[in-house]
């Protein structure tokens, strides 16, 4: 079962009140949205957006929750199409849901054998499999260094190129075995293999879904449609996402358009980390429109 990350902190910084309207840009399994609606009763609304149609189909109907498929890079248009005008808060939870990772079959996990697609919706033009099997060696090296921040990137890429010359790399476990064989034995013994594989899979997912550019567009549009004193809350799961959010908030604060509410990112406490391991890498930043 998916547990929403930093739920208490999200609600605290969004500060929902009765009758207010909010947008959940990554509604997932509606954990955060349901908690927001509890605070906005009786007539508040949440517009829940998700790029993944399968995720939307899994959400039970809740009064006040308006669901729509879309990419938050088109946030302004989506809000207009759904007649969301006075918006008091916008949430971005940038992590994949437990279902997307464990059950979607889209290749986000290396714990089971799945096709290497990593596509969140039907709009993308390239799959992870295509990247692995057709992109030049230097391009692979660049994305693993830039988006995975992986120090074994060159060794991994060399093994990928060697293997794809023999036969295509089609599944998650094929790629995982290549990663495993690319890391010095002493490192694998310390359990480093899982962290390295996670960074490589992260890099591929970012490129396939253009995640960082979409985040920049989504944040810009969030500020455009937010009411005065409305809140933006962003939960990120790696340093690249957090860096985008941090720079955006600082830039807009200098311009006099935002007031940062979290001088340092909020992280999960020990109790949440124990019951929800996904929360360990989560960072929450919040700001208010002025």
C-alpha atoms as a PDB file:
ATOM      1  CA  UNK A   1       0.000   0.000   0.000  1.00  0.00           C
ATOM      2  CA  UNK A   2       1.278   3.446  -0.941  1.00  0.00           C
ATOM      3  CA  UNK A   3       1.956   5.743   2.014  1.00  0.00           C
ATOM      4  CA  UNK A   4       2.037   9.469   1.184  1.00  0.00           C
ATOM      5  CA  UNK A   5       5.400  10.965   2.104  1.00  0.00           C
ATOM      6  CA  UNK A   6       5.679  13.908   4.526  1.00  0.00           C
ATOM      7  CA  UNK A   7       1.883  14.075   4.754  1.00  0.00           C
ATOM      8  CA  UNK A   8       1.700  15.976   8.054  1.00  0.00           C
ATOM      9  CA  UNK A   9       4.306  18.497   6.883  1.00  0.00           C
ATOM     10  CA  UNK A  10       2.591  18.962   3.505  1.00  0.00           C
ATOM     11  CA  UNK A  11      -0.692  19.825   5.182  1.00  0.00           C
ATOM     12  CA  UNK A  12       1.048  22.138   7.640  1.00  0.00           C
ATOM     13  CA  UNK A  13       2.680  24.195   4.877  1.00  0.00           C
ATOM     14  CA  UNK A  14      -0.279  24.135   2.473  1.00  0.00           C
ATOM     15  CA  UNK A  15      -2.485  25.238   5.392  1.00  0.00           C
ATOM     16  CA  UNK A  16      -5.826  24.275   3.782  1.00  0.00           C
ATOM     17  CA  UNK A  17      -8.954  25.974   5.151  1.00  0.00           C
ATOM     18  CA  UNK A  18     -12.681  25.267   4.630  1.00  0.00           C
ATOM     19  CA  UNK A  19     -13.885  26.221   1.161  1.00  0.00           C
ATOM     20  CA  UNK A  20     -10.447  26.614  -0.414  1.00  0.00           C
ATOM     21  CA  UNK A  21      -9.282  25.113  -3.713  1.00  0.00           C
ATOM     22  CA  UNK A  22      -6.027  23.229  -4.253  1.00  0.00           C
ATOM     23  CA  UNK A  23      -4.205  21.473  -7.065  1.00  0.00           C
ATOM     24  CA  UNK A  24      -2.334  18.204  -6.577  1.00  0.00           C
ATOM     25  CA  UNK A  25      -0.068  18.056  -9.620  1.00  0.00           C
ATOM     26  CA  UNK A  26       0.876  14.416  -9.052  1.00  0.00           C
ATOM     27  CA  UNK A  27      -2.233  12.922  -7.478  1.00  0.00           C
ATOM     28  CA  UNK A  28      -0.923   9.335  -7.569  1.00  0.00           C
ATOM     29  CA  UNK A  29      -3.144   7.359  -5.195  1.00  0.00           C
ATOM     30  CA  UNK A  30      -4.719  10.541  -3.742  1.00  0.00           C
ATOM     31  CA  UNK A  31      -3.158  10.244  -0.289  1.00  0.00           C
ATOM     32  CA  UNK A  32      -2.247  13.922  -0.055  1.00  0.00           C
ATOM     33  CA  UNK A  33      -5.420  15.017  -1.876  1.00  0.00           C
ATOM     34  CA  UNK A  34      -7.682  13.145   0.543  1.00  0.00           C
ATOM     35  CA  UNK A  35      -5.982  14.800   3.512  1.00  0.00           C
ATOM     36  CA  UNK A  36      -6.363  18.238   1.908  1.00  0.00           C
ATOM     37  CA  UNK A  37     -10.076  17.626   1.267  1.00  0.00           C
ATOM     38  CA  UNK A  38     -10.612  16.737   4.930  1.00  0.00           C
ATOM     39  CA  UNK A  39      -9.425  20.245   5.808  1.00  0.00           C
ATOM     40  CA  UNK A  40     -11.381  22.061   3.082  1.00  0.00           C
ATOM     41  CA  UNK A  41     -14.809  20.601   3.851  1.00  0.00           C
ATOM     42  CA  UNK A  42     -17.623  21.236   3.173  1.00  0.00           C
ATOM     43  CA  UNK A  43     -17.177  22.828  -0.232  1.00  0.00           C
ATOM     44  CA  UNK A  44     -13.457  22.957  -0.994  1.00  0.00           C
ATOM     45  CA  UNK A  45     -12.081  21.208  -4.065  1.00  0.00           C
ATOM     46  CA  UNK A  46      -8.883  19.539  -5.188  1.00  0.00           C
ATOM     47  CA  UNK A  47      -7.917  19.234  -8.837  1.00  0.00           C
ATOM     48  CA  UNK A  48      -5.905  16.018  -9.034  1.00  0.00           C
ATOM     49  CA  UNK A  49      -3.613  15.746 -12.050  1.00  0.00           C
ATOM     50  CA  UNK A  50      -1.601  12.718 -13.091  1.00  0.00           C
ATOM     51  CA  UNK A  51       0.345  11.901 -16.217  1.00  0.00           C
ATOM     52  CA  UNK A  52      -0.317   8.182 -15.712  1.00  0.00           C
ATOM     53  CA  UNK A  53      -3.804   7.093 -16.797  1.00  0.00           C
ATOM     54  CA  UNK A  54      -3.488   3.752 -14.982  1.00  0.00           C
ATOM     55  CA  UNK A  55      -2.881   5.582 -11.693  1.00  0.00           C
ATOM     56  CA  UNK A  56      -5.998   7.710 -12.179  1.00  0.00           C
ATOM     57  CA  UNK A  57      -8.142   4.631 -12.805  1.00  0.00           C
ATOM     58  CA  UNK A  58      -7.123   3.252  -9.408  1.00  0.00           C
ATOM     59  CA  UNK A  59      -8.441   6.236  -7.422  1.00  0.00           C
ATOM     60  CA  UNK A  60     -11.832   5.889  -5.741  1.00  0.00           C
ATOM     61  CA  UNK A  61     -14.307   8.714  -6.293  1.00  0.00           C
ATOM     62  CA  UNK A  62     -14.212  11.261  -3.475  1.00  0.00           C
ATOM     63  CA  UNK A  63     -16.497  14.282  -3.140  1.00  0.00           C
ATOM     64  CA  UNK A  64     -14.615  17.428  -4.071  1.00  0.00           C
ATOM     65  CA  UNK A  65     -11.837  15.619  -5.952  1.00  0.00           C
ATOM     66  CA  UNK A  66     -11.707  16.441  -9.658  1.00  0.00           C
ATOM     67  CA  UNK A  67      -9.417  14.088 -11.582  1.00  0.00           C
ATOM     68  CA  UNK A  68      -7.795  14.767 -14.925  1.00  0.00           C
ATOM     69  CA  UNK A  69      -5.008  13.223 -16.939  1.00  0.00           C
ATOM     70  CA  UNK A  70      -2.215  15.572 -17.911  1.00  0.00           C
ATOM     71  CA  UNK A  71       1.352  16.704 -17.443  1.00  0.00           C
ATOM     72  CA  UNK A  72       1.975  19.508 -14.973  1.00  0.00           C
ATOM     73  CA  UNK A  73       4.119  21.225 -17.604  1.00  0.00           C
ATOM     74  CA  UNK A  74       0.683  22.258 -18.958  1.00  0.00           C
ATOM     75  CA  UNK A  75      -0.619  23.275 -15.524  1.00  0.00           C
ATOM     76  CA  UNK A  76      -2.099  26.622 -16.529  1.00  0.00           C
ATOM     77  CA  UNK A  77      -4.095  25.149 -19.412  1.00  0.00           C
ATOM     78  CA  UNK A  78      -5.303  22.217 -17.289  1.00  0.00           C
ATOM     79  CA  UNK A  79      -6.508  24.566 -14.531  1.00  0.00           C
ATOM     80  CA  UNK A  80      -8.363  26.738 -17.056  1.00  0.00           C
ATOM     81  CA  UNK A  81      -9.998  23.739 -18.734  1.00  0.00           C
ATOM     82  CA  UNK A  82     -11.298  22.573 -15.352  1.00  0.00           C
ATOM     83  CA  UNK A  83     -12.491  26.055 -14.293  1.00  0.00           C
ATOM     84  CA  UNK A  84     -10.061  26.249 -11.391  1.00  0.00           C
ATOM     85  CA  UNK A  85      -9.682  29.993 -10.916  1.00  0.00           C
ATOM     86  CA  UNK A  86      -9.048  30.884  -7.263  1.00  0.00           C
ATOM     87  CA  UNK A  87      -6.248  28.516  -6.249  1.00  0.00           C
ATOM     88  CA  UNK A  88      -5.028  28.597  -2.660  1.00  0.00           C
ATOM     89  CA  UNK A  89      -2.286  25.998  -2.866  1.00  0.00           C
ATOM     90  CA  UNK A  90      -0.437  23.711  -5.263  1.00  0.00           C
ATOM     91  CA  UNK A  91       1.364  20.493  -4.362  1.00  0.00           C
ATOM     92  CA  UNK A  92       4.059  18.705  -6.366  1.00  0.00           C
ATOM     93  CA  UNK A  93       4.977  15.250  -4.992  1.00  0.00           C
ATOM     94  CA  UNK A  94       7.673  14.249  -7.452  1.00  0.00           C
ATOM     95  CA  UNK A  95       8.141  10.628  -6.411  1.00  0.00           C
ATOM     96  CA  UNK A  96       6.645   7.638  -8.184  1.00  0.00           C
ATOM     97  CA  UNK A  97       3.924   5.815  -6.268  1.00  0.00           C
ATOM     98  CA  UNK A  98       4.546   2.369  -4.826  1.00  0.00           C
ATOM     99  CA  UNK A  99       2.182   0.930  -7.435  1.00  0.00           C
ATOM    100  CA  UNK A 100       4.075   2.567 -10.314  1.00  0.00           C
ATOM    101  CA  UNK A 101       7.355   1.162  -9.042  1.00  0.00           C
ATOM    102  CA  UNK A 102       6.223  -2.284  -7.973  1.00  0.00           C
ATOM    103  CA  UNK A 103       3.163  -3.171 -10.064  1.00  0.00           C
ATOM    104  CA  UNK A 104       2.926  -1.052 -13.219  1.00  0.00           C
ATOM    105  CA  UNK A 105       5.251  -3.279 -15.265  1.00  0.00           C
ATOM    106  CA  UNK A 106       6.846  -0.217 -16.874  1.00  0.00           C
ATOM    107  CA  UNK A 107      10.427  -0.993 -15.900  1.00  0.00           C
ATOM    108  CA  UNK A 108      10.897   1.356 -12.940  1.00  0.00           C
ATOM    109  CA  UNK A 109      12.185  -1.416 -10.672  1.00  0.00           C
ATOM    110  CA  UNK A 110      15.191  -3.716 -10.910  1.00  0.00           C
ATOM    111  CA  UNK A 111      13.750  -6.104  -8.324  1.00  0.00           C
ATOM    112  CA  UNK A 112      11.772  -7.995 -10.981  1.00  0.00           C
ATOM    113  CA  UNK A 113      12.162  -8.594 -14.706  1.00  0.00           C
ATOM    114  CA  UNK A 114      10.154  -6.104 -16.771  1.00  0.00           C
ATOM    115  CA  UNK A 115      10.441  -4.478 -20.211  1.00  0.00           C
ATOM    116  CA  UNK A 116      12.689  -1.406 -20.153  1.00  0.00           C
ATOM    117  CA  UNK A 117      10.108   1.229 -21.080  1.00  0.00           C
ATOM    118  CA  UNK A 118       9.842   3.739 -18.167  1.00  0.00           C
ATOM    119  CA  UNK A 119       7.160   5.702 -20.005  1.00  0.00           C
ATOM    120  CA  UNK A 120       4.597   7.285 -17.689  1.00  0.00           C
ATOM    121  CA  UNK A 121       2.109   7.984 -20.482  1.00  0.00           C
ATOM    122  CA  UNK A 122       1.687   7.489 -24.209  1.00  0.00           C
ATOM    123  CA  UNK A 123       3.117  10.861 -25.180  1.00  0.00           C
ATOM    124  CA  UNK A 124       6.822  10.111 -24.938  1.00  0.00           C
ATOM    125  CA  UNK A 125       8.708   9.305 -28.120  1.00  0.00           C
ATOM    126  CA  UNK A 126      11.602   7.305 -26.690  1.00  0.00           C
ATOM    127  CA  UNK A 127      11.793   4.371 -24.275  1.00  0.00           C
ATOM    128  CA  UNK A 128      14.582   3.436 -21.890  1.00  0.00           C
ATOM    129  CA  UNK A 129      15.230   0.394 -24.072  1.00  0.00           C
ATOM    130  CA  UNK A 130      15.788   2.587 -27.132  1.00  0.00           C
ATOM    131  CA  UNK A 131      18.182   4.824 -25.203  1.00  0.00           C
ATOM    132  CA  UNK A 132      20.193   1.875 -23.885  1.00  0.00           C
ATOM    133  CA  UNK A 133      20.423   0.140 -27.261  1.00  0.00           C
ATOM    134  CA  UNK A 134      20.775   2.989 -29.755  1.00  0.00           C
ATOM    135  CA  UNK A 135      22.247   6.091 -28.157  1.00  0.00           C
ATOM    136  CA  UNK A 136      25.964   6.752 -28.720  1.00  0.00           C
ATOM    137  CA  UNK A 137      28.377   5.794 -25.961  1.00  0.00           C
ATOM    138  CA  UNK A 138      29.178   9.429 -25.104  1.00  0.00           C
ATOM    139  CA  UNK A 139      25.476  10.317 -24.848  1.00  0.00           C
ATOM    140  CA  UNK A 140      24.883   7.473 -22.392  1.00  0.00           C
ATOM    141  CA  UNK A 141      27.896   8.573 -20.391  1.00  0.00           C
ATOM    142  CA  UNK A 142      26.569  12.133 -20.253  1.00  0.00           C
ATOM    143  CA  UNK A 143      23.106  11.194 -18.960  1.00  0.00           C
ATOM    144  CA  UNK A 144      24.443   8.764 -16.343  1.00  0.00           C
ATOM    145  CA  UNK A 145      26.850  11.414 -15.056  1.00  0.00           C
ATOM    146  CA  UNK A 146      24.460  14.366 -15.318  1.00  0.00           C
ATOM    147  CA  UNK A 147      21.190  12.788 -14.179  1.00  0.00           C
ATOM    148  CA  UNK A 148      22.490   9.834 -12.170  1.00  0.00           C
ATOM    149  CA  UNK A 149      25.570  11.518 -10.694  1.00  0.00           C
ATOM    150  CA  UNK A 150      27.181   8.085 -10.967  1.00  0.00           C
ATOM    151  CA  UNK A 151      30.958   7.681 -10.602  1.00  0.00           C
ATOM    152  CA  UNK A 152      30.967   4.222 -12.221  1.00  0.00           C
ATOM    153  CA  UNK A 153      29.181   5.626 -15.298  1.00  0.00           C
ATOM    154  CA  UNK A 154      32.014   4.978 -17.764  1.00  0.00           C
ATOM    155  CA  UNK A 155      32.461   1.336 -16.735  1.00  0.00           C
ATOM    156  CA  UNK A 156      28.709   0.750 -16.927  1.00  0.00           C
ATOM    157  CA  UNK A 157      28.421   2.363 -20.358  1.00  0.00           C
ATOM    158  CA  UNK A 158      31.338   0.341 -21.718  1.00  0.00           C
ATOM    159  CA  UNK A 159      29.650  -2.886 -20.620  1.00  0.00           C
ATOM    160  CA  UNK A 160      26.302  -1.753 -22.068  1.00  0.00           C
ATOM    161  CA  UNK A 161      27.897  -1.019 -25.450  1.00  0.00           C
ATOM    162  CA  UNK A 162      29.702  -4.368 -25.430  1.00  0.00           C
ATOM    163  CA  UNK A 163      26.528  -6.295 -24.546  1.00  0.00           C
ATOM    164  CA  UNK A 164      24.233  -4.542 -27.022  1.00  0.00           C
ATOM    165  CA  UNK A 165      26.732  -5.387 -29.760  1.00  0.00           C
ATOM    166  CA  UNK A 166      25.975  -9.048 -29.050  1.00  0.00           C
ATOM    167  CA  UNK A 167      22.216  -8.818 -28.411  1.00  0.00           C
ATOM    168  CA  UNK A 168      19.690  -6.112 -27.457  1.00  0.00           C
ATOM    169  CA  UNK A 169      19.195  -5.214 -23.786  1.00  0.00           C
ATOM    170  CA  UNK A 170      15.440  -5.472 -23.316  1.00  0.00           C
ATOM    171  CA  UNK A 171      14.642  -5.954 -19.629  1.00  0.00           C
ATOM    172  CA  UNK A 172      15.334  -4.459 -16.229  1.00  0.00           C
ATOM    173  CA  UNK A 173      17.195  -7.496 -14.921  1.00  0.00           C
ATOM    174  CA  UNK A 174      19.431  -7.597 -17.998  1.00  0.00           C
ATOM    175  CA  UNK A 175      20.441  -4.009 -17.283  1.00  0.00           C
ATOM    176  CA  UNK A 176      20.814  -4.721 -13.565  1.00  0.00           C
ATOM    177  CA  UNK A 177      23.221  -7.597 -14.273  1.00  0.00           C
ATOM    178  CA  UNK A 178      25.313  -5.323 -16.501  1.00  0.00           C
ATOM    179  CA  UNK A 179      25.465  -2.700 -13.746  1.00  0.00           C
ATOM    180  CA  UNK A 180      26.394  -5.362 -11.205  1.00  0.00           C
ATOM    181  CA  UNK A 181      29.256  -6.648 -13.367  1.00  0.00           C
ATOM    182  CA  UNK A 182      30.544  -3.095 -13.886  1.00  0.00           C
ATOM    183  CA  UNK A 183      31.193  -2.369 -10.217  1.00  0.00           C
ATOM    184  CA  UNK A 184      34.329  -3.574  -8.406  1.00  0.00           C
ATOM    185  CA  UNK A 185      33.653  -6.660  -6.282  1.00  0.00           C
ATOM    186  CA  UNK A 186      34.604  -4.898  -3.059  1.00  0.00           C
ATOM    187  CA  UNK A 187      31.908  -2.290  -3.708  1.00  0.00           C
ATOM    188  CA  UNK A 188      29.179  -4.857  -4.445  1.00  0.00           C
ATOM    189  CA  UNK A 189      29.928  -6.608  -1.164  1.00  0.00           C
ATOM    190  CA  UNK A 190      29.006  -3.449   0.728  1.00  0.00           C
ATOM    191  CA  UNK A 191      25.574  -3.378  -0.837  1.00  0.00           C
ATOM    192  CA  UNK A 192      26.519  -0.516  -3.134  1.00  0.00           C
ATOM    193  CA  UNK A 193      24.975  -2.229  -6.162  1.00  0.00           C
ATOM    194  CA  UNK A 194      21.422  -1.216  -5.225  1.00  0.00           C
ATOM    195  CA  UNK A 195      22.334   2.463  -4.886  1.00  0.00           C
ATOM    196  CA  UNK A 196      24.250   2.450  -8.178  1.00  0.00           C
ATOM    197  CA  UNK A 197      21.393   0.728 -10.017  1.00  0.00           C
ATOM    198  CA  UNK A 198      18.901   3.202  -8.525  1.00  0.00           C
ATOM    199  CA  UNK A 199      20.952   6.120  -9.878  1.00  0.00           C
ATOM    200  CA  UNK A 200      21.198   4.594 -13.368  1.00  0.00           C
ATOM    201  CA  UNK A 201      17.461   3.853 -13.465  1.00  0.00           C
ATOM    202  CA  UNK A 202      16.797   7.393 -12.189  1.00  0.00           C
ATOM    203  CA  UNK A 203      18.857   8.894 -15.010  1.00  0.00           C
ATOM    204  CA  UNK A 204      16.964   6.915 -17.649  1.00  0.00           C
ATOM    205  CA  UNK A 205      13.576   7.830 -16.150  1.00  0.00           C
ATOM    206  CA  UNK A 206      14.477  11.534 -16.079  1.00  0.00           C
ATOM    207  CA  UNK A 207      15.455  11.494 -19.753  1.00  0.00           C
ATOM    208  CA  UNK A 208      12.519   9.378 -20.967  1.00  0.00           C
ATOM    209  CA  UNK A 209       9.964  11.610 -19.236  1.00  0.00           C
ATOM    210  CA  UNK A 210      11.860  14.934 -19.501  1.00  0.00           C
ATOM    211  CA  UNK A 211      11.273  15.346 -15.785  1.00  0.00           C
ATOM    212  CA  UNK A 212      13.495  18.298 -14.901  1.00  0.00           C
ATOM    213  CA  UNK A 213      12.332  20.510 -17.775  1.00  0.00           C
ATOM    214  CA  UNK A 214       8.714  19.654 -17.001  1.00  0.00           C
ATOM    215  CA  UNK A 215       9.283  20.608 -13.358  1.00  0.00           C
ATOM    216  CA  UNK A 216      10.669  24.012 -14.355  1.00  0.00           C
ATOM    217  CA  UNK A 217       7.622  24.659 -16.559  1.00  0.00           C
ATOM    218  CA  UNK A 218       5.223  23.443 -13.875  1.00  0.00           C
ATOM    219  CA  UNK A 219       6.689  25.694 -11.188  1.00  0.00           C
ATOM    220  CA  UNK A 220       6.547  28.767 -13.435  1.00  0.00           C
ATOM    221  CA  UNK A 221       2.895  28.143 -14.254  1.00  0.00           C
ATOM    222  CA  UNK A 222       2.026  27.361 -10.640  1.00  0.00           C
ATOM    223  CA  UNK A 223       3.148  30.838  -9.650  1.00  0.00           C
ATOM    224  CA  UNK A 224       1.164  32.375 -12.523  1.00  0.00           C
ATOM    225  CA  UNK A 225      -2.146  30.832 -11.429  1.00  0.00           C
ATOM    226  CA  UNK A 226      -1.729  30.907  -7.642  1.00  0.00           C
ATOM    227  CA  UNK A 227      -3.820  33.353  -5.616  1.00  0.00           C
ATOM    228  CA  UNK A 228      -2.094  35.960  -3.454  1.00  0.00           C
ATOM    229  CA  UNK A 229      -0.791  34.291  -0.281  1.00  0.00           C
ATOM    230  CA  UNK A 230      -1.343  30.898  -1.911  1.00  0.00           C
ATOM    231  CA  UNK A 231       1.183  28.186  -1.123  1.00  0.00           C
ATOM    232  CA  UNK A 232       3.451  26.028  -3.299  1.00  0.00           C
ATOM    233  CA  UNK A 233       4.747  22.840  -1.673  1.00  0.00           C
ATOM    234  CA  UNK A 234       7.205  20.572  -3.476  1.00  0.00           C
ATOM    235  CA  UNK A 235       8.416  17.155  -2.317  1.00  0.00           C
ATOM    236  CA  UNK A 236      11.527  16.026  -4.197  1.00  0.00           C
ATOM    237  CA  UNK A 237      13.474  12.780  -4.023  1.00  0.00           C
ATOM    238  CA  UNK A 238      16.920  13.539  -5.409  1.00  0.00           C
ATOM    239  CA  UNK A 239      19.359  16.431  -5.493  1.00  0.00           C
ATOM    240  CA  UNK A 240      18.641  17.389  -9.108  1.00  0.00           C
ATOM    241  CA  UNK A 241      14.930  17.958  -8.427  1.00  0.00           C
ATOM    242  CA  UNK A 242      15.653  19.714  -5.153  1.00  0.00           C
ATOM    243  CA  UNK A 243      18.149  21.977  -6.903  1.00  0.00           C
ATOM    244  CA  UNK A 244      15.540  23.052  -9.470  1.00  0.00           C
ATOM    245  CA  UNK A 245      13.060  23.899  -6.703  1.00  0.00           C
ATOM    246  CA  UNK A 246      15.628  25.696  -4.538  1.00  0.00           C
ATOM    247  CA  UNK A 247      16.822  27.880  -7.431  1.00  0.00           C
ATOM    248  CA  UNK A 248      13.259  28.676  -8.531  1.00  0.00           C
ATOM    249  CA  UNK A 249      12.184  29.745  -5.039  1.00  0.00           C
ATOM    250  CA  UNK A 250      15.287  31.895  -4.521  1.00  0.00           C
ATOM    251  CA  UNK A 251      14.925  33.589  -7.907  1.00  0.00           C
ATOM    252  CA  UNK A 252      11.247  34.408  -7.350  1.00  0.00           C
ATOM    253  CA  UNK A 253      11.911  35.631  -3.805  1.00  0.00           C
ATOM    254  CA  UNK A 254      14.506  38.067  -5.187  1.00  0.00           C
ATOM    255  CA  UNK A 255      11.892  39.265  -7.682  1.00  0.00           C
ATOM    256  CA  UNK A 256       9.444  39.887  -4.831  1.00  0.00           C
ATOM    257  CA  UNK A 257       6.958  37.279  -6.061  1.00  0.00           C
ATOM    258  CA  UNK A 258       7.425  34.568  -3.425  1.00  0.00           C
ATOM    259  CA  UNK A 259       8.289  34.314   0.235  1.00  0.00           C
ATOM    260  CA  UNK A 260      10.175  31.154   1.120  1.00  0.00           C
ATOM    261  CA  UNK A 261       8.615  29.357   4.100  1.00  0.00           C
ATOM    262  CA  UNK A 262      11.296  26.682   4.489  1.00  0.00           C
ATOM    263  CA  UNK A 263      14.778  28.174   4.770  1.00  0.00           C
ATOM    264  CA  UNK A 264      16.098  24.609   4.773  1.00  0.00           C
ATOM    265  CA  UNK A 265      14.334  21.593   3.263  1.00  0.00           C
ATOM    266  CA  UNK A 266      12.079  19.615   5.591  1.00  0.00           C
ATOM    267  CA  UNK A 267      12.913  15.916   5.899  1.00  0.00           C
ATOM    268  CA  UNK A 268      11.072  12.984   7.430  1.00  0.00           C
ATOM    269  CA  UNK A 269      11.624  12.062  11.050  1.00  0.00           C
ATOM    270  CA  UNK A 270      12.889   8.742  12.344  1.00  0.00           C
ATOM    271  CA  UNK A 271       9.385   7.369  12.944  1.00  0.00           C
ATOM    272  CA  UNK A 272       8.243   7.977   9.350  1.00  0.00           C
ATOM    273  CA  UNK A 273      11.488   6.631   7.915  1.00  0.00           C
ATOM    274  CA  UNK A 274      10.964   3.374   9.799  1.00  0.00           C
ATOM    275  CA  UNK A 275       7.434   2.764   8.491  1.00  0.00           C
ATOM    276  CA  UNK A 276       7.924   4.312   5.044  1.00  0.00           C
ATOM    277  CA  UNK A 277      11.438   3.800   3.605  1.00  0.00           C
ATOM    278  CA  UNK A 278      10.564   5.972   0.568  1.00  0.00           C
ATOM    279  CA  UNK A 279      10.562   9.004   2.848  1.00  0.00           C
ATOM    280  CA  UNK A 280      14.294   8.750   3.608  1.00  0.00           C
ATOM    281  CA  UNK A 281      15.321  10.667   0.490  1.00  0.00           C
ATOM    282  CA  UNK A 282      12.361  13.083   0.503  1.00  0.00           C
ATOM    283  CA  UNK A 283      12.845  16.836   0.893  1.00  0.00           C
ATOM    284  CA  UNK A 284      10.010  19.328   1.205  1.00  0.00           C
ATOM    285  CA  UNK A 285      10.255  22.996   0.277  1.00  0.00           C
ATOM    286  CA  UNK A 286       7.432  25.514   0.557  1.00  0.00           C
ATOM    287  CA  UNK A 287       6.825  29.105  -0.489  1.00  0.00           C
ATOM    288  CA  UNK A 288       3.974  31.624  -0.468  1.00  0.00           C
ATOM    289  CA  UNK A 289       2.845  33.935  -3.250  1.00  0.00           C
ATOM    290  CA  UNK A 290       3.056  37.641  -2.353  1.00  0.00           C
END
